[in-house]
């Protein structure tokens, strides 16, 4: 067997899952990441890891037992509130749930720790990619360096630098802007907000707006104010002015219960504006030798609970395909892409934000939760 030279762009969960599964099968990979180190940026909040994609990916990586050690007990609890703070649905964690919650940062570190030293090359921001002959590609970095590879995998997210080689598709605005905040030491410093959120996750919803919040491992509340707004909102406010942006967003929630608006007004961090983007549902590309995509680079969608899980399964399935056909990369890519396109299209089928923030909210969200298995999709 002649192992291919595998180059992965992006050290998120999908890229690291790919590198780990390749390592399990004795195939080396190098992961290039723009961030300066593993701790250069906070790695998001909680993730529920699903039994149909995320958990099988971790099993393929040989890390399922280590993953179970990261699970936060009691976090599979969900509440739906209306704007007055009244609890409309309360689903406690009774221990029978199938989607255990973990911290994204801890899961990423587990994957990093499972790789040989030097697998991830930090501080390598990709500026461009060009096709060479025989399925090879050259990757250019902002530091002036280049690398040539026989298999290039774009695991570099929404604004992928690898994707343009395969596809003309670019992310478009999904119609929702999210404002991220954090309340630390919530039980003692923000008891009303902590009581509203409860031990797990909160959805406080109305047509066109709402709050999503979750209790993290350290007792902080990680929340998102969600607003159906045009791209560029709020054009009359400097997003770098924390006080002005907070006031502007709070104004959108006039009349809401103070324990909910406290998720904005009491934040220990400046609010961070996140317009949500998406690639076309069913996005795909014609096969090209020596290059492919996974995760958000391939099938970006508004957050629906599937993104990180799909990215890890993409990485695991691509790694297994390469291990099956190490001497026929085109066959490996064809097998991987055919399955990946299908599962990405299926996962994008439900309009989660239409249910969550549409005219029927919050009752449409409650119906979705109770018609399924008592957990958000």
Foldseek 3Di string as FASTA:
>chain_A
DDFFAEEEEDLALLSLLLQLLLVVLVHHYAYEYQAQDLVRDADDFKAFAAPVFQQVSCVSSVCNVVVVVQFDPWAQWEWEAELALDTPDTRTCPPPDRGTMGTSSVSSVVSVVSHDPRRYDYNWAWDAKDDDPPQKIWTATPVGDIDITQAYEYAPAQQTRQLVVFDPWHWDFPQKKKKKFKAAPCVPPPVLLDVSQDQHWYWHAAAFWTKIWTQGPRRMIIMITMGRDDPCPPVVFDLVPQVRVLVVSVVVSPPGHPSRNCRRVVGPDRIDMGGAIWTDQLDDGDDDGRYDYAFNSGTGDGDQSCRSSRSSNLSSQLSVLCSVCSPCNSRSVVVSRVVSSVVSNVVPPDPVCCQRNNNPPPVSVVCCCVVPPNGGD
